Structures are given as C-alpha cells and as structure tokens.
Amino acid sequence: MNAWLSLSLAILAEVIATSALKASDSFSRLLPSVMVIAGYGVAFYCLSLALKNMSLGIAYAVWSGAGTALIALIGVVVYRQKLDVAAILGIGLIVAGVLVLNVFSKSAAH
C-alpha cells in the first residue's frame, strides 16, 4: 500500500477514535468505547505501514498535525465547542506546516 494512503487511513482512524473517546464518557458507553479501541488499533497499524516507506519525523508530524486540525474541526461542528482567535491561528499554522511538509519537503522518503 502507498505510504501516503496508509498515513491518510491512519489519520482518519485516529480522528474517529478520538471523537469516539469523548462520546465514550470515560469508557462507560460500550459502542463508543469499542470504536476507540478499534480506531486506535487501525490507526497505529496503518501508521506502521506508512513508516515502511516514509521517514518517522515527517509521518508523525503529518499524522499529529492533520489529526489535531481535524479534531478541532469536529469539536466545533459536532460538540459545538468555540475556538478563539489564538486557537484558529494556531490550527492554521499547523495546517500550513503540514502543507509545507507535503509540498516542499524531500525528507518524506527514507
């Protein structure tokens, strides 16, 4: 499987798992709790596949940065959480960093 595809699946699974973590209510609700465990399992497996053909630093930076931005968006849309200007600016910088890594970095392959 392509490293970037594996990394994208890892990000998607991690975002689903983290969203379910809030819904699990401290693991007191069964279905969201199962989604957390399965989601993180899939996320780390897909991340391990990506690391076969991608440098650790780049993969982790993209994984954590994209995941952080997507979780913040889910917090706003699903959980009606508010972001102040500093939070929006910070998330924008994270997204910009991920874009710079994807578009300009030659360090992605190892």
N, C-alpha and C. Protein backbone atom coordinates (compact mmCIF):
# COMPACT_ATOMS: atom_id res chain seq x y z
N MET A 1 0.85 -1.18 0.00
CA MET A 1 0.00 0.00 0.00
C MET A 1 0.89 1.24 0.00
N ASN A 2 0.50 2.24 -0.71
CA ASN A 2 1.21 3.51 -0.78
C ASN A 2 1.34 4.12 0.62
N ALA A 3 2.52 4.69 0.92
CA ALA A 3 2.77 5.25 2.25
C ALA A 3 1.81 6.39 2.58
N TRP A 4 1.53 7.25 1.61
CA TRP A 4 0.63 8.38 1.87
C TRP A 4 -0.81 7.91 2.07
N LEU A 5 -1.21 6.87 1.37
CA LEU A 5 -2.54 6.30 1.57
C LEU A 5 -2.63 5.69 2.96
N SER A 6 -1.61 4.94 3.35
CA SER A 6 -1.58 4.34 4.69
C SER A 6 -1.63 5.43 5.76
N LEU A 7 -0.87 6.50 5.56
CA LEU A 7 -0.87 7.60 6.52
C LEU A 7 -2.24 8.28 6.58
N SER A 8 -2.87 8.45 5.44
CA SER A 8 -4.22 9.06 5.42
C SER A 8 -5.23 8.20 6.17
N LEU A 9 -5.15 6.89 5.97
CA LEU A 9 -6.04 5.98 6.71
C LEU A 9 -5.74 6.03 8.21
N ALA A 10 -4.47 6.14 8.56
CA ALA A 10 -4.10 6.26 9.98
C ALA A 10 -4.70 7.52 10.60
N ILE A 11 -4.64 8.61 9.86
CA ILE A 11 -5.21 9.88 10.35
C ILE A 11 -6.73 9.76 10.50
N LEU A 12 -7.38 9.20 9.52
CA LEU A 12 -8.83 9.03 9.58
C LEU A 12 -9.24 8.15 10.76
N ALA A 13 -8.55 7.04 10.95
CA ALA A 13 -8.87 6.13 12.06
C ALA A 13 -8.62 6.80 13.41
N GLU A 14 -7.54 7.58 13.50
CA GLU A 14 -7.23 8.27 14.76
C GLU A 14 -8.27 9.33 15.07
N VAL A 15 -8.74 10.03 14.06
CA VAL A 15 -9.76 11.07 14.26
C VAL A 15 -11.08 10.43 14.71
N ILE A 16 -11.44 9.31 14.10
CA ILE A 16 -12.65 8.60 14.51
C ILE A 16 -12.52 8.12 15.95
N ALA A 17 -11.36 7.54 16.29
CA ALA A 17 -11.14 7.04 17.65
C ALA A 17 -11.17 8.16 18.68
N THR A 18 -10.53 9.27 18.37
CA THR A 18 -10.50 10.38 19.32
C THR A 18 -11.88 11.00 19.50
N SER A 19 -12.64 11.09 18.41
CA SER A 19 -14.02 11.59 18.52
C SER A 19 -14.87 10.64 19.37
N ALA A 20 -14.68 9.35 19.18
CA ALA A 20 -15.42 8.36 19.96
C ALA A 20 -14.99 8.38 21.42
N LEU A 21 -13.75 8.79 21.68
CA LEU A 21 -13.27 8.85 23.07
C LEU A 21 -14.12 9.82 23.89
N LYS A 22 -14.44 10.96 23.32
CA LYS A 22 -15.32 11.90 24.03
C LYS A 22 -16.70 11.28 24.22
N ALA A 23 -17.21 10.64 23.18
CA ALA A 23 -18.55 10.04 23.25
C ALA A 23 -18.61 8.83 24.19
N SER A 24 -17.45 8.21 24.49
CA SER A 24 -17.44 7.02 25.35
C SER A 24 -17.75 7.35 26.80
N ASP A 25 -17.71 8.63 27.16
CA ASP A 25 -18.00 9.07 28.52
C ASP A 25 -17.14 8.29 29.53
N SER A 26 -15.81 8.42 29.36
CA SER A 26 -14.83 7.73 30.21
C SER A 26 -14.99 6.21 30.15
N PHE A 27 -15.22 5.70 28.96
CA PHE A 27 -15.38 4.27 28.70
C PHE A 27 -16.58 3.65 29.43
N SER A 28 -17.60 4.46 29.67
CA SER A 28 -18.80 3.93 30.32
C SER A 28 -19.88 3.55 29.30
N ARG A 29 -19.68 3.89 28.03
CA ARG A 29 -20.63 3.53 26.96
C ARG A 29 -19.93 2.55 26.02
N LEU A 30 -20.57 1.41 25.78
CA LEU A 30 -19.93 0.31 25.08
C LEU A 30 -19.53 0.63 23.63
N LEU A 31 -20.47 1.04 22.80
CA LEU A 31 -20.18 1.23 21.38
C LEU A 31 -19.07 2.26 21.14
N PRO A 32 -19.15 3.44 21.74
CA PRO A 32 -18.04 4.38 21.52
C PRO A 32 -16.71 3.85 22.08
N SER A 33 -16.76 3.10 23.16
CA SER A 33 -15.53 2.53 23.73
C SER A 33 -14.89 1.52 22.77
N VAL A 34 -15.71 0.71 22.14
CA VAL A 34 -15.21 -0.25 21.14
C VAL A 34 -14.63 0.50 19.95
N MET A 35 -15.28 1.59 19.54
CA MET A 35 -14.77 2.40 18.43
C MET A 35 -13.41 3.01 18.76
N VAL A 36 -13.22 3.41 20.00
CA VAL A 36 -11.92 3.96 20.43
C VAL A 36 -10.82 2.91 20.27
N ILE A 37 -11.05 1.74 20.82
CA ILE A 37 -10.04 0.69 20.79
C ILE A 37 -9.75 0.25 19.35
N ALA A 38 -10.80 0.02 18.58
CA ALA A 38 -10.62 -0.41 17.19
C ALA A 38 -9.96 0.71 16.36
N GLY A 39 -10.40 1.92 16.55
CA GLY A 39 -9.86 3.04 15.79
C GLY A 39 -8.39 3.27 16.03
N TYR A 40 -7.98 3.24 17.30
CA TYR A 40 -6.55 3.41 17.59
C TYR A 40 -5.74 2.21 17.09
N GLY A 41 -6.31 1.02 17.16
CA GLY A 41 -5.62 -0.16 16.62
C GLY A 41 -5.37 -0.01 15.12
N VAL A 42 -6.40 0.38 14.39
CA VAL A 42 -6.27 0.59 12.94
C VAL A 42 -5.29 1.74 12.66
N ALA A 43 -5.39 2.80 13.44
CA ALA A 43 -4.52 3.96 13.23
C ALA A 43 -3.04 3.58 13.36
N PHE A 44 -2.70 2.88 14.43
CA PHE A 44 -1.30 2.52 14.63
C PHE A 44 -0.83 1.48 13.62
N TYR A 45 -1.70 0.58 13.21
CA TYR A 45 -1.32 -0.39 12.18
C TYR A 45 -1.03 0.33 10.86
N CYS A 46 -1.94 1.23 10.46
CA CYS A 46 -1.72 1.97 9.22
C CYS A 46 -0.50 2.88 9.30
N LEU A 47 -0.28 3.47 10.46
CA LEU A 47 0.93 4.29 10.64
C LEU A 47 2.18 3.42 10.49
N SER A 48 2.14 2.21 11.03
CA SER A 48 3.30 1.32 10.89
C SER A 48 3.55 0.96 9.43
N LEU A 49 2.49 0.81 8.64
CA LEU A 49 2.65 0.55 7.20
C LEU A 49 3.28 1.75 6.50
N ALA A 50 2.82 2.93 6.86
CA ALA A 50 3.38 4.14 6.25
C ALA A 50 4.86 4.28 6.56
N LEU A 51 5.27 3.87 7.76
CA LEU A 51 6.67 4.03 8.17
C LEU A 51 7.62 3.10 7.44
N LYS A 52 7.10 2.12 6.71
CA LYS A 52 7.98 1.27 5.91
C LYS A 52 8.65 2.07 4.80
N ASN A 53 7.96 3.09 4.29
CA ASN A 53 8.47 3.85 3.15
C ASN A 53 8.48 5.36 3.37
N MET A 54 8.42 5.78 4.64
CA MET A 54 8.35 7.20 4.94
C MET A 54 9.16 7.46 6.21
N SER A 55 9.77 8.61 6.28
CA SER A 55 10.56 8.91 7.48
C SER A 55 9.64 9.13 8.68
N LEU A 56 10.13 8.73 9.83
CA LEU A 56 9.35 8.81 11.07
C LEU A 56 8.93 10.25 11.39
N GLY A 57 9.87 11.17 11.29
CA GLY A 57 9.58 12.56 11.65
C GLY A 57 8.50 13.17 10.78
N ILE A 58 8.58 12.95 9.49
CA ILE A 58 7.58 13.51 8.58
C ILE A 58 6.23 12.84 8.80
N ALA A 59 6.23 11.51 8.88
CA ALA A 59 4.97 10.78 9.08
C ALA A 59 4.29 11.23 10.37
N TYR A 60 5.03 11.34 11.46
CA TYR A 60 4.41 11.71 12.72
C TYR A 60 3.95 13.17 12.70
N ALA A 61 4.73 14.04 12.08
CA ALA A 61 4.33 15.45 12.01
C ALA A 61 3.02 15.60 11.23
N VAL A 62 2.92 14.91 10.10
CA VAL A 62 1.69 14.99 9.30
C VAL A 62 0.53 14.35 10.05
N TRP A 63 0.78 13.16 10.64
CA TRP A 63 -0.26 12.44 11.37
C TRP A 63 -0.82 13.27 12.52
N SER A 64 0.08 13.78 13.35
CA SER A 64 -0.40 14.53 14.52
C SER A 64 -0.97 15.89 14.12
N GLY A 65 -0.35 16.56 13.16
CA GLY A 65 -0.85 17.88 12.75
C GLY A 65 -2.21 17.81 12.10
N ALA A 66 -2.36 16.91 11.14
CA ALA A 66 -3.66 16.77 10.46
C ALA A 66 -4.72 16.29 11.44
N GLY A 67 -4.36 15.35 12.30
CA GLY A 67 -5.30 14.85 13.31
C GLY A 67 -5.76 15.95 14.24
N THR A 68 -4.82 16.78 14.69
CA THR A 68 -5.16 17.90 15.59
C THR A 68 -6.13 18.86 14.92
N ALA A 69 -5.86 19.23 13.69
CA ALA A 69 -6.74 20.16 12.98
C ALA A 69 -8.13 19.56 12.76
N LEU A 70 -8.18 18.30 12.36
CA LEU A 70 -9.49 17.65 12.13
C LEU A 70 -10.28 17.49 13.42
N ILE A 71 -9.60 17.14 14.51
CA ILE A 71 -10.29 17.00 15.80
C ILE A 71 -10.84 18.36 16.25
N ALA A 72 -10.08 19.41 16.04
CA ALA A 72 -10.58 20.75 16.40
C ALA A 72 -11.83 21.09 15.59
N LEU A 73 -11.81 20.75 14.30
CA LEU A 73 -12.99 20.99 13.45
C LEU A 73 -14.19 20.17 13.93
N ILE A 74 -13.97 18.92 14.29
CA ILE A 74 -15.06 18.08 14.81
C ILE A 74 -15.59 18.65 16.13
N GLY A 75 -14.68 19.15 16.96
CA GLY A 75 -15.11 19.78 18.21
C GLY A 75 -16.06 20.94 17.97
N VAL A 76 -15.76 21.73 16.95
CA VAL A 76 -16.61 22.88 16.62
C VAL A 76 -17.94 22.41 16.03
N VAL A 77 -17.89 21.50 15.08
CA VAL A 77 -19.09 21.10 14.34
C VAL A 77 -19.99 20.18 15.16
N VAL A 78 -19.41 19.14 15.75
CA VAL A 78 -20.21 18.11 16.43
C VAL A 78 -20.51 18.49 17.87
N TYR A 79 -19.50 18.98 18.58
CA TYR A 79 -19.67 19.24 20.01
C TYR A 79 -19.93 20.71 20.33
N ARG A 80 -20.07 21.54 19.28
CA ARG A 80 -20.41 22.96 19.44
C ARG A 80 -19.41 23.70 20.33
N GLN A 81 -18.15 23.30 20.26
CA GLN A 81 -17.11 23.98 21.03
C GLN A 81 -16.68 25.24 20.29
N LYS A 82 -16.28 26.23 21.03
CA LYS A 82 -15.88 27.51 20.44
C LYS A 82 -14.35 27.60 20.39
N LEU A 83 -13.84 28.17 19.31
CA LEU A 83 -12.42 28.44 19.18
C LEU A 83 -12.21 29.94 19.16
N ASP A 84 -11.23 30.41 19.95
CA ASP A 84 -10.92 31.84 19.91
C ASP A 84 -9.92 32.11 18.78
N VAL A 85 -9.57 33.37 18.61
CA VAL A 85 -8.69 33.77 17.51
C VAL A 85 -7.33 33.07 17.62
N ALA A 86 -6.79 32.96 18.82
CA ALA A 86 -5.49 32.32 19.00
C ALA A 86 -5.54 30.84 18.60
N ALA A 87 -6.62 30.16 18.96
CA ALA A 87 -6.77 28.74 18.59
C ALA A 87 -6.87 28.59 17.08
N ILE A 88 -7.64 29.43 16.43
CA ILE A 88 -7.79 29.38 14.98
C ILE A 88 -6.45 29.67 14.30
N LEU A 89 -5.72 30.66 14.79
CA LEU A 89 -4.41 30.98 14.23
C LEU A 89 -3.44 29.81 14.41
N GLY A 90 -3.43 29.23 15.60
CA GLY A 90 -2.55 28.10 15.87
C GLY A 90 -2.86 26.90 14.98
N ILE A 91 -4.13 26.60 14.82
CA ILE A 91 -4.53 25.48 13.96
C ILE A 91 -4.17 25.79 12.50
N GLY A 92 -4.34 27.04 12.11
CA GLY A 92 -3.94 27.45 10.76
C GLY A 92 -2.45 27.25 10.53
N LEU A 93 -1.63 27.54 11.54
CA LEU A 93 -0.19 27.32 11.42
C LEU A 93 0.14 25.83 11.33
N ILE A 94 -0.60 25.01 12.06
CA ILE A 94 -0.40 23.55 11.97
C ILE A 94 -0.70 23.08 10.55
N VAL A 95 -1.83 23.51 10.02
CA VAL A 95 -2.22 23.12 8.66
C VAL A 95 -1.17 23.61 7.66
N ALA A 96 -0.70 24.84 7.82
CA ALA A 96 0.33 25.37 6.93
C ALA A 96 1.61 24.52 7.02
N GLY A 97 1.97 24.11 8.21
CA GLY A 97 3.15 23.26 8.38
C GLY A 97 3.00 21.93 7.69
N VAL A 98 1.84 21.33 7.80
CA VAL A 98 1.58 20.04 7.14
C VAL A 98 1.65 20.23 5.62
N LEU A 99 1.09 21.31 5.11
CA LEU A 99 1.15 21.58 3.67
C LEU A 99 2.58 21.77 3.20
N VAL A 100 3.37 22.52 3.95
CA VAL A 100 4.78 22.73 3.58
C VAL A 100 5.52 21.39 3.54
N LEU A 101 5.28 20.54 4.54
CA LEU A 101 5.93 19.22 4.54
C LEU A 101 5.53 18.40 3.32
N ASN A 102 4.25 18.42 2.99
CA ASN A 102 3.76 17.62 1.86
C ASN A 102 4.22 18.15 0.52
N VAL A 103 4.26 19.44 0.36
CA VAL A 103 4.55 20.02 -0.95
C VAL A 103 6.05 20.22 -1.20
N PHE A 104 6.79 20.63 -0.17
CA PHE A 104 8.17 21.05 -0.39
C PHE A 104 9.24 20.12 0.18
N SER A 105 8.92 19.31 1.15
CA SER A 105 9.96 18.53 1.81
C SER A 105 10.40 17.34 0.97
N LYS A 106 11.69 17.14 0.90
CA LYS A 106 12.26 15.97 0.24
C LYS A 106 12.59 14.88 1.28
N SER A 107 12.24 15.14 2.53
CA SER A 107 12.57 14.23 3.63
C SER A 107 11.55 13.14 3.88
N ALA A 108 10.46 13.12 3.14
CA ALA A 108 9.39 12.16 3.40
C ALA A 108 9.83 10.73 3.21
N ALA A 109 10.58 10.46 2.18
CA ALA A 109 11.08 9.09 1.97
C ALA A 109 12.33 8.88 2.80
N HIS A 110 12.56 7.64 3.18
CA HIS A 110 13.77 7.41 3.99
C HIS A 110 14.78 6.59 3.27
